[in-house]
């Protein structure tokens, strides 16, 4: 199973993440997003940070999750490569650990500047696997 795929979009960039569980989809969406930002093979997991997000439904929770990670990248200069959701109620709240390091422009070549995760074309569904589609404003 592939963890994610990049979706072509007219002015922005999209991502479709997959997983055996919805929790895995959220983790893979975060990995996919950072893979758009830089080559995460160059990211060393030298630090871990706790992340808590809440929302009114699971689609909003996905947007809040990804936007919190974008905020930490833009404001705290953190770049991540691995994510582990520790507490999860499946809809309204998640507590996760993000593993990465401080941004180092000497080692981390930036590829795509993501401004935000949007609600445009947002969907979470389950067939044989769980999947989530998101579009990022760039």
N, C-alpha and C. Protein backbone atom coordinates (compact mmCIF):
# COMPACT_ATOMS: atom_id res chain seq x y z
N UNK A 1 0.84 -1.18 0.00
CA UNK A 1 0.00 0.00 0.00
C UNK A 1 0.88 1.24 0.00
N UNK A 2 0.59 2.16 -0.90
CA UNK A 2 1.31 3.43 -0.87
C UNK A 2 0.73 4.30 0.23
N UNK A 3 1.59 5.09 0.86
CA UNK A 3 1.16 5.93 1.98
C UNK A 3 0.39 7.16 1.51
N UNK A 4 0.81 7.72 0.36
CA UNK A 4 0.15 8.91 -0.17
C UNK A 4 0.50 9.09 -1.63
N UNK A 5 -0.28 9.94 -2.31
CA UNK A 5 0.03 10.34 -3.67
C UNK A 5 -0.26 11.83 -3.82
N UNK A 6 0.51 12.49 -4.66
CA UNK A 6 0.33 13.92 -4.92
C UNK A 6 -0.74 14.07 -5.99
N UNK A 7 -1.65 15.02 -5.78
CA UNK A 7 -2.72 15.29 -6.73
C UNK A 7 -2.44 16.61 -7.44
N UNK A 8 -2.64 16.61 -8.74
CA UNK A 8 -2.49 17.84 -9.52
C UNK A 8 -3.70 18.73 -9.28
N UNK A 9 -3.46 20.02 -9.13
CA UNK A 9 -4.53 20.99 -8.94
C UNK A 9 -4.10 22.27 -9.63
N UNK A 10 -5.06 23.00 -10.18
CA UNK A 10 -4.77 24.16 -11.01
C UNK A 10 -3.77 25.13 -10.39
N UNK A 11 -4.11 25.70 -9.25
CA UNK A 11 -3.24 26.73 -8.65
C UNK A 11 -2.59 26.27 -7.35
N UNK A 12 -3.00 25.14 -6.84
CA UNK A 12 -2.51 24.67 -5.55
C UNK A 12 -1.93 23.27 -5.72
N UNK A 13 -1.73 22.59 -4.63
CA UNK A 13 -1.25 21.20 -4.68
C UNK A 13 -2.11 20.38 -3.72
N UNK A 14 -2.37 19.14 -4.12
CA UNK A 14 -3.20 18.27 -3.30
C UNK A 14 -2.47 17.00 -2.93
N UNK A 15 -3.11 16.25 -2.07
CA UNK A 15 -2.53 15.02 -1.56
C UNK A 15 -3.66 14.07 -1.22
N UNK A 16 -3.45 12.81 -1.52
CA UNK A 16 -4.38 11.78 -1.08
C UNK A 16 -3.58 10.80 -0.24
N UNK A 17 -3.95 10.66 1.02
CA UNK A 17 -3.25 9.78 1.95
C UNK A 17 -4.09 8.52 2.19
N UNK A 18 -3.39 7.41 2.41
CA UNK A 18 -4.05 6.12 2.60
C UNK A 18 -3.60 5.49 3.91
N UNK A 19 -4.42 4.56 4.41
CA UNK A 19 -4.04 3.82 5.60
C UNK A 19 -5.02 2.72 5.90
N UNK A 20 -4.56 1.75 6.69
CA UNK A 20 -5.45 0.69 7.15
C UNK A 20 -6.40 1.20 8.21
N UNK A 21 -5.99 2.26 8.90
CA UNK A 21 -6.83 2.90 9.92
C UNK A 21 -6.88 4.40 9.62
N UNK A 22 -7.85 5.05 10.17
CA UNK A 22 -7.96 6.50 9.99
C UNK A 22 -6.77 7.21 10.65
N UNK A 23 -6.32 6.68 11.76
CA UNK A 23 -5.14 7.21 12.45
C UNK A 23 -3.93 7.17 11.52
N UNK A 24 -3.74 6.07 10.84
CA UNK A 24 -2.63 5.93 9.89
C UNK A 24 -2.75 6.93 8.73
N UNK A 25 -3.97 7.20 8.30
CA UNK A 25 -4.19 8.18 7.23
C UNK A 25 -3.73 9.57 7.68
N UNK A 26 -4.07 9.96 8.91
CA UNK A 26 -3.64 11.26 9.43
C UNK A 26 -2.12 11.34 9.49
N UNK A 27 -1.48 10.28 9.96
CA UNK A 27 -0.01 10.25 10.02
C UNK A 27 0.58 10.33 8.61
N UNK A 28 0.03 9.58 7.66
CA UNK A 28 0.54 9.59 6.29
C UNK A 28 0.28 10.92 5.58
N UNK A 29 -0.82 11.58 5.91
CA UNK A 29 -1.08 12.91 5.33
C UNK A 29 0.00 13.89 5.78
N UNK A 30 0.40 13.81 7.04
CA UNK A 30 1.45 14.69 7.55
C UNK A 30 2.79 14.39 6.88
N UNK A 31 3.13 13.11 6.73
CA UNK A 31 4.37 12.74 6.03
C UNK A 31 4.33 13.24 4.59
N UNK A 32 3.21 13.05 3.94
CA UNK A 32 3.06 13.51 2.56
C UNK A 32 3.21 15.01 2.43
N UNK A 33 2.63 15.75 3.37
CA UNK A 33 2.74 17.20 3.33
C UNK A 33 4.19 17.65 3.46
N UNK A 34 4.92 17.08 4.42
CA UNK A 34 6.33 17.47 4.58
C UNK A 34 7.18 16.99 3.42
N UNK A 35 6.76 15.92 2.74
CA UNK A 35 7.46 15.48 1.54
C UNK A 35 7.30 16.47 0.40
N UNK A 36 6.23 17.24 0.42
CA UNK A 36 6.05 18.31 -0.57
C UNK A 36 6.95 19.50 -0.25
N UNK A 37 7.19 19.72 1.04
CA UNK A 37 7.98 20.87 1.49
C UNK A 37 9.46 20.64 1.26
N UNK A 38 9.96 19.44 1.56
CA UNK A 38 11.39 19.14 1.41
C UNK A 38 11.58 17.64 1.24
N UNK A 39 12.78 17.23 0.93
CA UNK A 39 13.11 15.80 0.88
C UNK A 39 13.29 15.34 2.33
N UNK A 40 12.31 14.61 2.85
CA UNK A 40 12.36 14.24 4.27
C UNK A 40 13.43 13.20 4.58
N UNK A 41 14.05 12.64 3.56
CA UNK A 41 15.18 11.74 3.80
C UNK A 41 16.34 12.48 4.47
N UNK A 42 16.40 13.81 4.29
CA UNK A 42 17.45 14.63 4.88
C UNK A 42 17.10 15.13 6.28
N UNK A 43 15.93 14.77 6.78
CA UNK A 43 15.49 15.22 8.11
C UNK A 43 15.90 14.16 9.13
N UNK A 44 16.57 14.62 10.17
CA UNK A 44 16.99 13.72 11.25
C UNK A 44 16.02 13.89 12.43
N UNK A 45 15.47 12.81 12.92
CA UNK A 45 14.52 12.91 14.05
C UNK A 45 15.24 13.11 15.39
N UNK A 46 15.83 14.29 15.57
CA UNK A 46 16.59 14.57 16.79
C UNK A 46 15.73 15.13 17.91
N UNK A 47 14.49 15.50 17.61
CA UNK A 47 13.58 16.01 18.64
C UNK A 47 12.19 15.46 18.41
N UNK A 48 11.42 15.44 19.49
CA UNK A 48 10.01 15.07 19.37
C UNK A 48 9.20 16.14 20.08
N UNK A 49 8.06 16.45 19.52
CA UNK A 49 7.18 17.46 20.09
C UNK A 49 5.77 16.91 20.22
N UNK A 50 5.12 17.26 21.33
CA UNK A 50 3.72 16.89 21.53
C UNK A 50 2.83 17.88 20.79
N UNK A 51 1.83 17.35 20.14
CA UNK A 51 0.88 18.18 19.41
C UNK A 51 -0.52 17.74 19.80
N UNK A 52 -1.34 18.71 20.19
CA UNK A 52 -2.74 18.47 20.54
C UNK A 52 -3.61 19.32 19.63
N UNK A 53 -4.61 18.71 19.01
CA UNK A 53 -5.58 19.47 18.22
C UNK A 53 -6.98 18.95 18.50
N UNK A 54 -7.93 19.86 18.38
CA UNK A 54 -9.34 19.53 18.56
C UNK A 54 -10.14 20.18 17.45
N UNK A 55 -11.28 19.58 17.11
CA UNK A 55 -12.15 20.12 16.08
C UNK A 55 -13.56 19.57 16.27
N UNK A 56 -14.48 20.04 15.46
CA UNK A 56 -15.88 19.64 15.61
C UNK A 56 -16.25 18.37 14.85
N UNK A 57 -15.40 17.93 13.91
CA UNK A 57 -15.63 16.68 13.20
C UNK A 57 -14.31 16.18 12.63
N UNK A 58 -14.29 14.99 12.08
CA UNK A 58 -13.01 14.40 11.64
C UNK A 58 -12.38 15.13 10.48
N UNK A 59 -13.19 15.69 9.55
CA UNK A 59 -12.61 16.45 8.45
C UNK A 59 -11.92 17.71 8.97
N UNK A 60 -12.59 18.40 9.88
CA UNK A 60 -11.99 19.60 10.49
C UNK A 60 -10.76 19.24 11.32
N UNK A 61 -10.79 18.07 11.95
CA UNK A 61 -9.63 17.62 12.73
C UNK A 61 -8.41 17.41 11.83
N UNK A 62 -8.63 16.86 10.64
CA UNK A 62 -7.53 16.68 9.70
C UNK A 62 -6.95 18.04 9.29
N UNK A 63 -7.81 18.99 8.98
CA UNK A 63 -7.35 20.33 8.59
C UNK A 63 -6.61 20.99 9.75
N UNK A 64 -7.15 20.91 10.96
CA UNK A 64 -6.49 21.50 12.13
C UNK A 64 -5.13 20.85 12.38
N UNK A 65 -5.05 19.54 12.23
CA UNK A 65 -3.81 18.78 12.41
C UNK A 65 -2.75 19.28 11.44
N UNK A 66 -3.07 19.33 10.17
CA UNK A 66 -2.09 19.74 9.16
C UNK A 66 -1.74 21.22 9.31
N UNK A 67 -2.72 22.05 9.63
CA UNK A 67 -2.43 23.48 9.81
C UNK A 67 -1.57 23.74 11.04
N UNK A 68 -1.73 22.95 12.08
CA UNK A 68 -0.85 23.08 13.25
C UNK A 68 0.58 22.74 12.88
N UNK A 69 0.77 21.73 12.07
CA UNK A 69 2.11 21.36 11.62
C UNK A 69 2.71 22.44 10.72
N UNK A 70 1.89 23.04 9.86
CA UNK A 70 2.35 24.14 9.01
C UNK A 70 2.76 25.32 9.89
N UNK A 71 1.96 25.62 10.91
CA UNK A 71 2.29 26.70 11.84
C UNK A 71 3.66 26.46 12.48
N UNK A 72 3.90 25.25 12.96
CA UNK A 72 5.18 24.93 13.62
C UNK A 72 6.34 25.04 12.64
N UNK A 73 6.11 24.71 11.39
CA UNK A 73 7.14 24.86 10.37
C UNK A 73 7.42 26.34 10.11
N UNK A 74 6.37 27.12 9.91
CA UNK A 74 6.51 28.53 9.53
C UNK A 74 6.99 29.42 10.68
N UNK A 75 6.53 29.16 11.89
CA UNK A 75 6.81 30.06 13.01
C UNK A 75 7.96 29.54 13.89
N UNK A 76 7.99 28.24 14.12
CA UNK A 76 9.03 27.67 15.00
C UNK A 76 10.18 27.05 14.22
N UNK A 77 10.09 27.07 12.89
CA UNK A 77 11.14 26.52 12.01
C UNK A 77 11.46 25.06 12.32
N UNK A 78 10.40 24.26 12.44
CA UNK A 78 10.54 22.83 12.68
C UNK A 78 10.19 22.09 11.40
N UNK A 79 10.95 21.05 11.11
CA UNK A 79 10.68 20.20 9.95
C UNK A 79 10.58 18.77 10.47
N UNK A 80 9.55 18.04 10.06
CA UNK A 80 9.28 16.71 10.61
C UNK A 80 9.32 15.64 9.53
N UNK A 81 9.57 14.41 9.97
CA UNK A 81 9.55 13.30 9.02
C UNK A 81 8.70 12.12 9.48
N UNK A 82 8.34 12.07 10.76
CA UNK A 82 7.57 10.93 11.29
C UNK A 82 6.58 11.43 12.32
N UNK A 83 5.43 10.76 12.36
CA UNK A 83 4.35 11.18 13.25
C UNK A 83 3.73 9.95 13.88
N UNK A 84 3.35 10.10 15.15
CA UNK A 84 2.72 9.00 15.88
C UNK A 84 1.56 9.57 16.69
N UNK A 85 0.37 9.16 16.33
CA UNK A 85 -0.80 9.60 17.08
C UNK A 85 -0.91 8.71 18.31
N UNK A 86 -0.87 9.35 19.48
CA UNK A 86 -0.83 8.63 20.75
C UNK A 86 -2.23 8.47 21.35
N UNK A 87 -2.98 9.55 21.37
CA UNK A 87 -4.37 9.52 21.86
C UNK A 87 -5.27 9.96 20.73
N UNK A 88 -6.36 9.24 20.57
CA UNK A 88 -7.20 9.47 19.39
C UNK A 88 -8.62 9.05 19.71
N UNK A 89 -9.55 9.93 19.56
CA UNK A 89 -10.94 9.53 19.75
C UNK A 89 -11.64 9.32 18.42
N UNK A 90 -10.91 9.47 17.32
CA UNK A 90 -11.46 9.20 16.00
C UNK A 90 -12.22 10.34 15.37
N UNK A 91 -12.45 11.40 16.11
CA UNK A 91 -13.26 12.46 15.53
C UNK A 91 -12.93 13.86 16.03
N UNK A 92 -12.84 14.07 17.33
CA UNK A 92 -12.77 15.42 17.87
C UNK A 92 -11.42 15.83 18.46
N UNK A 93 -10.58 14.87 18.79
CA UNK A 93 -9.35 15.20 19.52
C UNK A 93 -8.24 14.22 19.13
N UNK A 94 -7.03 14.76 18.99
CA UNK A 94 -5.87 13.89 18.85
C UNK A 94 -4.68 14.49 19.57
N UNK A 95 -3.87 13.61 20.08
CA UNK A 95 -2.59 13.97 20.70
C UNK A 95 -1.56 13.14 19.97
N UNK A 96 -0.55 13.82 19.43
CA UNK A 96 0.46 13.12 18.64
C UNK A 96 1.86 13.57 19.02
N UNK A 97 2.82 12.80 18.58
CA UNK A 97 4.23 13.18 18.65
C UNK A 97 4.70 13.36 17.22
N UNK A 98 5.41 14.46 17.00
CA UNK A 98 6.03 14.73 15.71
C UNK A 98 7.53 14.65 15.91
N UNK A 99 8.21 13.91 15.04
CA UNK A 99 9.65 13.69 15.15
C UNK A 99 10.35 14.40 13.99
N UNK A 100 11.33 15.23 14.33
CA UNK A 100 12.06 15.96 13.30
C UNK A 100 13.20 16.74 13.91
N UNK A 101 13.43 17.92 13.37
CA UNK A 101 14.54 18.74 13.83
C UNK A 101 14.29 20.20 13.45
N UNK A 102 15.12 21.11 13.98
CA UNK A 102 15.03 22.50 13.54
C UNK A 102 15.39 22.59 12.05
N UNK A 103 14.71 23.46 11.34
CA UNK A 103 14.98 23.68 9.93
C UNK A 103 16.40 24.17 9.74
N UNK A 104 17.11 23.56 8.80
CA UNK A 104 18.49 23.93 8.46
C UNK A 104 18.54 24.09 6.95
N UNK A 105 18.52 25.35 6.49
CA UNK A 105 18.48 25.60 5.05
C UNK A 105 19.73 25.11 4.32
N UNK A 106 20.79 24.81 5.05
CA UNK A 106 21.97 24.22 4.45
C UNK A 106 21.76 22.77 4.07
N UNK A 107 20.84 22.08 4.78
CA UNK A 107 20.56 20.67 4.51
C UNK A 107 19.17 20.42 3.96
N UNK A 108 18.23 21.29 4.27
CA UNK A 108 16.84 21.08 3.87
C UNK A 108 16.49 22.03 2.72
N UNK A 109 16.54 21.53 1.52
CA UNK A 109 16.16 22.33 0.37
C UNK A 109 14.64 22.41 0.31
N UNK A 110 14.11 23.63 0.36
CA UNK A 110 12.67 23.81 0.33
C UNK A 110 12.16 23.71 -1.10
N UNK A 111 11.09 22.92 -1.28
CA UNK A 111 10.56 22.68 -2.62
C UNK A 111 9.22 23.39 -2.85
N UNK A 112 8.30 23.26 -1.92
CA UNK A 112 6.97 23.84 -2.05
C UNK A 112 6.65 24.62 -0.80
N UNK A 113 6.21 25.87 -0.97
CA UNK A 113 5.81 26.68 0.18
C UNK A 113 4.31 26.49 0.37
N UNK A 114 3.94 25.81 1.44
CA UNK A 114 2.53 25.56 1.75
C UNK A 114 2.07 26.60 2.75
N UNK A 115 1.01 27.32 2.40
CA UNK A 115 0.47 28.36 3.29
C UNK A 115 -0.54 27.78 4.27
N UNK A 116 -1.39 26.86 3.78
CA UNK A 116 -2.44 26.32 4.65
C UNK A 116 -3.07 25.10 4.00
N UNK A 117 -3.68 24.28 4.83
CA UNK A 117 -4.53 23.18 4.36
C UNK A 117 -5.94 23.75 4.26
N UNK A 118 -6.59 23.57 3.14
CA UNK A 118 -7.91 24.16 2.92
C UNK A 118 -9.01 23.11 3.05
N UNK A 119 -10.24 23.58 3.05
CA UNK A 119 -11.40 22.69 3.06
C UNK A 119 -11.86 22.35 1.64
N UNK A 120 -11.24 22.97 0.65
CA UNK A 120 -11.60 22.75 -0.75
C UNK A 120 -11.33 21.30 -1.14
N UNK A 121 -12.34 20.61 -1.65
CA UNK A 121 -12.26 19.21 -2.10
C UNK A 121 -11.85 18.24 -0.99
N UNK A 122 -11.99 18.66 0.26
CA UNK A 122 -11.62 17.82 1.40
C UNK A 122 -12.59 16.65 1.51
N UNK A 123 -12.03 15.45 1.65
CA UNK A 123 -12.91 14.30 1.91
C UNK A 123 -12.12 13.18 2.58
N UNK A 124 -12.82 12.49 3.44
CA UNK A 124 -12.30 11.30 4.11
C UNK A 124 -13.29 10.19 3.82
N UNK A 125 -12.78 9.05 3.36
CA UNK A 125 -13.69 7.95 3.04
C UNK A 125 -13.03 6.60 3.31
N UNK A 126 -13.88 5.59 3.35
CA UNK A 126 -13.38 4.24 3.58
C UNK A 126 -13.97 3.31 2.53
N UNK A 127 -13.10 2.65 1.81
CA UNK A 127 -13.47 1.56 0.90
C UNK A 127 -12.76 0.33 1.44
N UNK A 128 -11.82 -0.23 0.70
CA UNK A 128 -10.99 -1.30 1.26
C UNK A 128 -10.04 -0.73 2.30
N UNK A 129 -9.56 0.48 2.03
CA UNK A 129 -8.67 1.22 2.93
C UNK A 129 -9.32 2.56 3.27
N UNK A 130 -8.80 3.20 4.30
CA UNK A 130 -9.17 4.57 4.58
C UNK A 130 -8.37 5.48 3.65
N UNK A 131 -8.95 6.61 3.27
CA UNK A 131 -8.22 7.60 2.49
C UNK A 131 -8.72 9.00 2.86
N UNK A 132 -7.85 9.96 2.65
CA UNK A 132 -8.21 11.36 2.88
C UNK A 132 -7.58 12.19 1.77
N UNK A 133 -8.37 13.09 1.24
CA UNK A 133 -7.89 14.01 0.19
C UNK A 133 -7.88 15.41 0.74
N UNK A 134 -6.77 16.12 0.55
CA UNK A 134 -6.66 17.51 0.99
C UNK A 134 -6.02 18.33 -0.11
N UNK A 135 -6.34 19.61 -0.12
CA UNK A 135 -5.73 20.57 -1.04
C UNK A 135 -5.04 21.62 -0.17
N UNK A 136 -3.79 21.94 -0.54
CA UNK A 136 -3.02 22.95 0.19
C UNK A 136 -2.95 24.24 -0.62
N UNK A 137 -3.13 25.36 0.08
CA UNK A 137 -2.90 26.68 -0.54
C UNK A 137 -1.40 26.89 -0.61
N UNK A 138 -0.90 27.22 -1.80
CA UNK A 138 0.54 27.48 -1.93
C UNK A 138 0.77 28.89 -2.43
